[in-house]
C-alpha atoms as a PDB file:
ATOM      1  CA  MET A   1      -9.370  -6.130  17.449  1.00  0.00           C
ATOM      2  CA  ASP A   2      -7.931  -3.648  19.908  1.00  0.00           C
ATOM      3  CA  LEU A   3      -8.528  -0.022  18.871  1.00  0.00           C
ATOM      4  CA  SER A   4      -4.918   1.009  19.500  1.00  0.00           C
ATOM      5  CA  VAL A   5      -3.662  -1.802  17.264  1.00  0.00           C
ATOM      6  CA  TRP A   6      -6.099  -0.815  14.521  1.00  0.00           C
ATOM      7  CA  LEU A   7      -5.065   2.851  14.750  1.00  0.00           C
ATOM      8  CA  SER A   8      -1.420   1.811  14.487  1.00  0.00           C
ATOM      9  CA  PHE A   9      -2.291  -0.151  11.355  1.00  0.00           C
ATOM     10  CA  VAL A  10      -4.181   2.838   9.923  1.00  0.00           C
ATOM     11  CA  GLY A  11      -1.185   5.107  10.482  1.00  0.00           C
ATOM     12  CA  THR A  12       1.196   2.678   8.795  1.00  0.00           C
ATOM     13  CA  VAL A  13      -1.104   2.119   5.814  1.00  0.00           C
ATOM     14  CA  MET A  14      -1.744   5.853   5.354  1.00  0.00           C
ATOM     15  CA  LEU A  15       1.987   6.466   5.209  1.00  0.00           C
ATOM     16  CA  ILE A  16       2.389   3.770   2.571  1.00  0.00           C
ATOM     17  CA  ALA A  17      -0.771   4.502   0.563  1.00  0.00           C
ATOM     18  CA  PHE A  18      -0.120   8.223   0.186  1.00  0.00           C
ATOM     19  CA  THR A  19       3.448   7.665  -0.988  1.00  0.00           C
ATOM     20  CA  PRO A  20       3.581   8.181  -4.781  1.00  0.00           C
ATOM     21  CA  GLY A  21       4.246   4.813  -6.388  1.00  0.00           C
ATOM     22  CA  PRO A  22       3.411   3.072  -9.705  1.00  0.00           C
ATOM     23  CA  SER A  23      -0.329   2.870  -8.968  1.00  0.00           C
ATOM     24  CA  VAL A  24      -0.490   6.512  -7.873  1.00  0.00           C
ATOM     25  CA  LEU A  25       1.385   7.686 -10.962  1.00  0.00           C
ATOM     26  CA  LEU A  26      -0.838   5.578 -13.228  1.00  0.00           C
ATOM     27  CA  ALA A  27      -4.014   6.972 -11.646  1.00  0.00           C
ATOM     28  CA  THR A  28      -2.636  10.507 -11.881  1.00  0.00           C
ATOM     29  CA  ALA A  29      -1.574  10.129 -15.496  1.00  0.00           C
ATOM     30  CA  ASN A  30      -4.929   8.598 -16.492  1.00  0.00           C
ATOM     31  CA  SER A  31      -6.774  11.374 -14.686  1.00  0.00           C
ATOM     32  CA  MET A  32      -4.879  13.944 -16.741  1.00  0.00           C
ATOM     33  CA  LYS A  33      -5.659  12.053 -19.939  1.00  0.00           C
ATOM     34  CA  TYR A  34      -9.219  10.861 -19.415  1.00  0.00           C
ATOM     35  CA  GLY A  35     -10.540  12.735 -16.389  1.00  0.00           C
ATOM     36  CA  ALA A  36     -10.984  11.762 -12.740  1.00  0.00           C
ATOM     37  CA  LYS A  37     -14.333  10.020 -13.292  1.00  0.00           C
ATOM     38  CA  LYS A  38     -12.971   7.552 -15.836  1.00  0.00           C
ATOM     39  CA  THR A  39      -9.911   6.975 -13.685  1.00  0.00           C
ATOM     40  CA  VAL A  40     -12.199   5.295 -11.134  1.00  0.00           C
ATOM     41  CA  GLY A  41     -11.897   2.242 -13.404  1.00  0.00           C
ATOM     42  CA  THR A  42      -8.112   2.252 -12.949  1.00  0.00           C
ATOM     43  CA  ILE A  43      -8.505   2.607  -9.184  1.00  0.00           C
ATOM     44  CA  LEU A  44     -11.012  -0.248  -8.938  1.00  0.00           C
ATOM     45  CA  GLY A  45      -8.667  -2.439 -10.966  1.00  0.00           C
ATOM     46  CA  ASP A  46      -5.813  -1.671  -8.590  1.00  0.00           C
ATOM     47  CA  LEU A  47      -7.951  -2.426  -5.522  1.00  0.00           C
ATOM     48  CA  SER A  48      -9.211  -5.688  -7.050  1.00  0.00           C
ATOM     49  CA  ALA A  49      -5.632  -6.847  -7.543  1.00  0.00           C
ATOM     50  CA  ASN A  50      -4.809  -5.857  -3.958  1.00  0.00           C
ATOM     51  CA  LEU A  51      -7.773  -7.880  -2.698  1.00  0.00           C
ATOM     52  CA  CYS A  52      -6.568 -10.955  -4.587  1.00  0.00           C
ATOM     53  CA  GLN A  53      -3.057 -10.468  -3.201  1.00  0.00           C
ATOM     54  CA  ILE A  54      -4.377 -10.110   0.350  1.00  0.00           C
ATOM     55  CA  ALA A  55      -6.412 -13.309  -0.057  1.00  0.00           C
ATOM     56  CA  LEU A  56      -3.375 -15.227  -1.315  1.00  0.00           C
ATOM     57  CA  ALA A  57      -1.156 -13.836   1.433  1.00  0.00           C
ATOM     58  CA  SER A  58      -3.746 -14.701   4.090  1.00  0.00           C
ATOM     59  CA  LEU A  59      -3.996 -18.368   3.112  1.00  0.00           C
ATOM     60  CA  GLY A  60      -0.887 -19.237   5.094  1.00  0.00           C
ATOM     61  CA  LEU A  61      -1.177 -16.723   7.899  1.00  0.00           C
ATOM     62  CA  ALA A  62      -3.486 -18.552  10.303  1.00  0.00           C
ATOM     63  CA  SER A  63      -0.932 -21.192  11.230  1.00  0.00           C
ATOM     64  CA  PHE A  64       1.726 -18.528  11.748  1.00  0.00           C
ATOM     65  CA  VAL A  65      -0.447 -16.436  14.042  1.00  0.00           C
ATOM     66  CA  ILE A  66      -1.369 -19.317  16.370  1.00  0.00           C
ATOM     67  CA  SER A  67       2.075 -20.943  16.321  1.00  0.00           C
ATOM     68  CA  SER A  68       4.980 -20.682  18.732  1.00  0.00           C
ATOM     69  CA  GLY A  69       6.509 -17.449  19.928  1.00  0.00           C
ATOM     70  CA  ALA A  70       9.671 -18.203  17.947  1.00  0.00           C
ATOM     71  CA  VAL A  71       7.744 -18.359  14.669  1.00  0.00           C
ATOM     72  CA  PHE A  72       5.864 -15.185  15.559  1.00  0.00           C
ATOM     73  CA  GLN A  73       9.168 -13.431  16.230  1.00  0.00           C
ATOM     74  CA  PHE A  74      10.470 -14.598  12.858  1.00  0.00           C
ATOM     75  CA  ILE A  75       7.413 -13.241  11.034  1.00  0.00           C
ATOM     76  CA  LYS A  76       7.537 -10.008  13.021  1.00  0.00           C
ATOM     77  CA  TRP A  77      11.165  -9.329  12.190  1.00  0.00           C
ATOM     78  CA  CYS A  78      10.556 -10.150   8.522  1.00  0.00           C
ATOM     79  CA  GLY A  79       7.890  -7.449   8.537  1.00  0.00           C
ATOM     80  CA  VAL A  80      10.144  -4.979  10.337  1.00  0.00           C
ATOM     81  CA  ALA A  81      13.000  -5.689   7.912  1.00  0.00           C
ATOM     82  CA  TYR A  82      10.693  -5.193   4.941  1.00  0.00           C
ATOM     83  CA  LEU A  83       9.489  -1.797   6.185  1.00  0.00           C
ATOM     84  CA  ILE A  84      13.070  -0.671   6.776  1.00  0.00           C
ATOM     85  CA  TYR A  85      14.019  -1.971   3.335  1.00  0.00           C
ATOM     86  CA  MET A  86      11.175   0.039   1.791  1.00  0.00           C
ATOM     87  CA  GLY A  87      12.377   3.126   3.667  1.00  0.00           C
ATOM     88  CA  LEU A  88      15.964   2.746   2.490  1.00  0.00           C
ATOM     89  CA  SER A  89      14.773   2.101  -1.063  1.00  0.00           C
ATOM     90  CA  LYS A  90      12.813   5.359  -0.988  1.00  0.00           C
ATOM     91  CA  ILE A  91      15.754   7.335   0.378  1.00  0.00           C
ATOM     92  CA  PHE A  92      18.217   6.050  -2.224  1.00  0.00           C
ATOM     93  CA  SER A  93      15.824   5.652  -5.168  1.00  0.00           C
ATOM     94  CA  LYS A  94      16.305   7.570  -8.391  1.00  0.00           C
ATOM     95  CA  VAL A  95      13.378   9.747  -9.390  1.00  0.00           C
ATOM     96  CA  GLN A  96      11.885   8.658 -12.701  1.00  0.00           C
ATOM     97  CA  ILE A  97       8.608  10.356 -13.518  1.00  0.00           C
ATOM     98  CA  LYS A  98       7.059  10.700 -16.931  1.00  0.00           C
ATOM     99  CA  LEU A  99       3.550  12.036 -17.061  1.00  0.00           C
ATOM    100  CA  SER A 100       1.688  12.932 -20.232  1.00  0.00           C
ATOM    101  CA  ALA A 101      -0.624  15.911 -20.349  1.00  0.00           C
ATOM    102  CA  ASN A 102      -2.295  14.929 -23.628  1.00  0.00           C
ATOM    103  CA  LYS A 103      -6.056  14.838 -23.440  1.00  0.00           C
ATOM    104  CA  ASP A 104      -7.757  11.716 -24.763  1.00  0.00           C
ATOM    105  CA  GLN A 105     -11.265  10.802 -23.704  1.00  0.00           C
ATOM    106  CA  LYS A 106     -11.509   7.604 -25.827  1.00  0.00           C
ATOM    107  CA  ARG A 107     -10.778   4.853 -23.323  1.00  0.00           C
ATOM    108  CA  SER A 108     -13.282   2.339 -22.023  1.00  0.00           C
ATOM    109  CA  PHE A 109     -13.872   1.563 -18.364  1.00  0.00           C
ATOM    110  CA  ARG A 110     -12.931  -2.060 -19.014  1.00  0.00           C
ATOM    111  CA  LYS A 111      -9.530  -1.115 -20.441  1.00  0.00           C
ATOM    112  CA  LEU A 112      -8.817   1.320 -17.631  1.00  0.00           C
ATOM    113  CA  TYR A 113      -9.852  -1.328 -15.087  1.00  0.00           C
ATOM    114  CA  GLY A 114      -7.579  -3.898 -16.717  1.00  0.00           C
ATOM    115  CA  GLU A 115      -4.706  -1.436 -16.795  1.00  0.00           C
ATOM    116  CA  GLY A 116      -5.056  -0.728 -13.070  1.00  0.00           C
ATOM    117  CA  PHE A 117      -5.416  -4.425 -12.234  1.00  0.00           C
ATOM    118  CA  LEU A 118      -2.344  -5.456 -14.191  1.00  0.00           C
ATOM    119  CA  MET A 119      -0.255  -2.604 -12.792  1.00  0.00           C
ATOM    120  CA  SER A 120      -0.879  -3.812  -9.245  1.00  0.00           C
ATOM    121  CA  ALA A 121      -0.997  -7.566  -9.941  1.00  0.00           C
ATOM    122  CA  ALA A 122       2.340  -7.438 -11.764  1.00  0.00           C
ATOM    123  CA  ASN A 123       4.085  -6.508  -8.510  1.00  0.00           C
ATOM    124  CA  PRO A 124       5.196  -9.812  -6.899  1.00  0.00           C
ATOM    125  CA  LYS A 125       6.349  -7.967  -3.763  1.00  0.00           C
ATOM    126  CA  ALA A 126       2.766  -7.110  -2.840  1.00  0.00           C
ATOM    127  CA  ILE A 127       1.929 -10.596  -1.557  1.00  0.00           C
ATOM    128  CA  VAL A 128       5.149 -10.626   0.479  1.00  0.00           C
ATOM    129  CA  PHE A 129       4.244  -7.190   1.828  1.00  0.00           C
ATOM    130  CA  PHE A 130       0.768  -8.242   2.963  1.00  0.00           C
ATOM    131  CA  ALA A 131       2.079 -11.505   4.416  1.00  0.00           C
ATOM    132  CA  ALA A 132       4.740  -9.590   6.360  1.00  0.00           C
ATOM    133  CA  LEU A 133       2.590  -6.677   7.516  1.00  0.00           C
ATOM    134  CA  PHE A 134      -0.723  -8.232   8.558  1.00  0.00           C
ATOM    135  CA  PRO A 135       0.619 -10.695  11.199  1.00  0.00           C
ATOM    136  CA  LEU A 136       2.055  -7.764  13.162  1.00  0.00           C
ATOM    137  CA  PHE A 137      -1.473  -6.570  13.898  1.00  0.00           C
ATOM    138  CA  LEU A 138      -3.202  -9.919  14.518  1.00  0.00           C
ATOM    139  CA  ASP A 139      -4.186 -11.251  17.924  1.00  0.00           C
ATOM    140  CA  PRO A 140      -3.803 -15.073  18.037  1.00  0.00           C
ATOM    141  CA  ASN A 141      -6.603 -15.253  20.615  1.00  0.00           C
ATOM    142  CA  ALA A 142      -9.153 -13.442  18.423  1.00  0.00           C
ATOM    143  CA  PRO A 143     -11.038 -14.731  15.331  1.00  0.00           C
ATOM    144  CA  PHE A 144      -8.540 -14.838  12.469  1.00  0.00           C
ATOM    145  CA  LEU A 145     -10.938 -14.277   9.561  1.00  0.00           C
ATOM    146  CA  LEU A 146     -12.615 -11.300  11.218  1.00  0.00           C
ATOM    147  CA  GLN A 147      -9.282  -9.622  11.919  1.00  0.00           C
ATOM    148  CA  VAL A 148      -7.973 -10.162   8.396  1.00  0.00           C
ATOM    149  CA  SER A 149     -11.258  -8.840   6.976  1.00  0.00           C
ATOM    150  CA  ILE A 150     -10.978  -5.680   9.082  1.00  0.00           C
ATOM    151  CA  LEU A 151      -7.362  -5.113   8.039  1.00  0.00           C
ATOM    152  CA  ALA A 152      -8.143  -5.821   4.382  1.00  0.00           C
ATOM    153  CA  LEU A 153     -11.139  -3.468   4.257  1.00  0.00           C
ATOM    154  CA  THR A 154      -9.152  -0.795   6.082  1.00  0.00           C
ATOM    155  CA  PHE A 155      -6.248  -1.104   3.659  1.00  0.00           C
ATOM    156  CA  LEU A 156      -8.480  -1.037   0.573  1.00  0.00           C
ATOM    157  CA  ALA A 157     -10.437   1.965   1.879  1.00  0.00           C
ATOM    158  CA  ILE A 158      -7.313   4.012   2.627  1.00  0.00           C
ATOM    159  CA  ASP A 159      -5.609   3.012  -0.615  1.00  0.00           C
ATOM    160  CA  GLY A 160      -8.735   3.817  -2.628  1.00  0.00           C
ATOM    161  CA  ILE A 161      -9.147   7.213  -0.961  1.00  0.00           C
ATOM    162  CA  SER A 162      -5.515   8.109  -1.601  1.00  0.00           C
ATOM    163  CA  LEU A 163      -5.816   7.217  -5.295  1.00  0.00           C
ATOM    164  CA  LEU A 164      -9.047   9.204  -5.589  1.00  0.00           C
ATOM    165  CA  ILE A 165      -7.381  12.240  -4.024  1.00  0.00           C
ATOM    166  CA  TYR A 166      -4.426  12.034  -6.399  1.00  0.00           C
ATOM    167  CA  ALA A 167      -6.739  11.590  -9.377  1.00  0.00           C
ATOM    168  CA  ARG A 168      -9.067  14.416  -8.327  1.00  0.00           C
ATOM    169  CA  PHE A 169      -6.293  16.928  -7.960  1.00  0.00           C
ATOM    170  CA  ALA A 170      -4.089  15.610 -10.771  1.00  0.00           C
ATOM    171  CA  GLU A 171      -3.996  18.913 -12.622  1.00  0.00           C
ATOM    172  CA  GLN A 172      -2.924  20.793  -9.505  1.00  0.00           C
ATOM    173  CA  LEU A 173      -0.398  18.112  -8.586  1.00  0.00           C
ATOM    174  CA  LYS A 174       1.106  17.936 -12.070  1.00  0.00           C
ATOM    175  CA  SER A 175       3.778  20.592 -11.529  1.00  0.00           C
ATOM    176  CA  TYR A 176       4.681  19.076  -8.152  1.00  0.00           C
ATOM    177  CA  LEU A 177       4.888  15.489  -9.368  1.00  0.00           C
ATOM    178  CA  GLU A 178       7.116  16.430 -12.295  1.00  0.00           C
ATOM    179  CA  ASN A 179       9.541  18.375 -10.088  1.00  0.00           C
ATOM    180  CA  ARG A 180      12.372  15.892  -9.494  1.00  0.00           C
ATOM    181  CA  GLU A 181      13.916  17.844  -6.601  1.00  0.00           C
ATOM    182  CA  LYS A 182      10.642  17.975  -4.645  1.00  0.00           C
ATOM    183  CA  VAL A 183       9.942  14.278  -5.197  1.00  0.00           C
ATOM    184  CA  HIS A 184      13.490  13.393  -4.136  1.00  0.00           C
ATOM    185  CA  LEU A 185      13.050  15.357  -0.891  1.00  0.00           C
ATOM    186  CA  GLN A 186       9.666  13.710  -0.305  1.00  0.00           C
ATOM    187  CA  ASN A 187      11.187  10.273  -0.845  1.00  0.00           C
ATOM    188  CA  LYS A 188      13.807  10.987   1.816  1.00  0.00           C
ATOM    189  CA  ILE A 189      11.166  12.128   4.296  1.00  0.00           C
ATOM    190  CA  VAL A 190       8.835   9.204   3.604  1.00  0.00           C
ATOM    191  CA  GLY A 191      11.741   6.756   3.636  1.00  0.00           C
ATOM    192  CA  SER A 192      12.814   7.999   7.041  1.00  0.00           C
ATOM    193  CA  LEU A 193       9.249   7.673   8.337  1.00  0.00           C
ATOM    194  CA  LEU A 194       8.999   4.116   7.017  1.00  0.00           C
ATOM    195  CA  ILE A 195      12.201   3.206   8.816  1.00  0.00           C
ATOM    196  CA  PHE A 196      10.783   4.779  11.973  1.00  0.00           C
ATOM    197  CA  SER A 197       7.598   2.708  11.503  1.00  0.00           C
ATOM    198  CA  GLY A 198       9.724  -0.411  11.214  1.00  0.00           C
ATOM    199  CA  ILE A 199      11.507   0.424  14.460  1.00  0.00           C
ATOM    200  CA  MET A 200       8.194   1.052  16.219  1.00  0.00           C
ATOM    201  CA  LEU A 201       6.732  -2.203  14.880  1.00  0.00           C
ATOM    202  CA  SER A 202       9.761  -4.043  16.253  1.00  0.00           C
ATOM    203  CA  LEU A 203       8.353  -3.243  19.699  1.00  0.00           C
ATOM    204  CA  VAL A 204       5.146  -5.182  18.997  1.00  0.00           C
ATOM    205  CA  LYS A 205       4.821  -8.190  21.289  1.00  0.00           C
ATOM    206  CA  ARG A 206       2.890 -11.416  20.761  1.00  0.00           C
ATOM    207  CA  THR A 207      -0.281 -11.635  22.815  1.00  0.00           C
ATOM    208  CA  GLN A 208       0.103 -14.502  25.227  1.00  0.00           C
ATOM    209  CA  SER A 209      -2.566 -17.197  25.452  1.00  0.00           C
END
């Protein structure tokens, strides 16, 4: 995989992973309740669900990547449209945040893991997201499995690090996350950046054989 393509993928994933969403809020809330160490169970559950979703999304990608230019263009523009859709959704979304500050240390790793897994697995858009995003960074002339593995490990690493950071500094982030005006401004900024990412990804061209 070309380094510039990988770095472009890293930038896109970092933008998405560090945007507060359901998994981030769950990890943050659990960190406030049970502590950052126990919240690792929630994070591992979330990443396990992501891995399953990536595997399912990748099952049908090989044929798309090595197919005609027309099909590649279709997949590319689906990915671009999805990123722009995510950006617009962020800009116009209503802020709904409810975090509990009650301390409760009685929660098993297994339950926290299951909670994180179900939170991520219950999102049917995730498979569509992976299926739309990954093909934009795949070279049809390079080994498919190796490329998907690199993208998957990169995504999981960045997503895991972002969740760990949110969990670790949950107490400090509490006042920020519960401030609706600040989150609304952040959503507008992130939404605009996602739209910009979509525009930039629209410039990606299929590698010719």
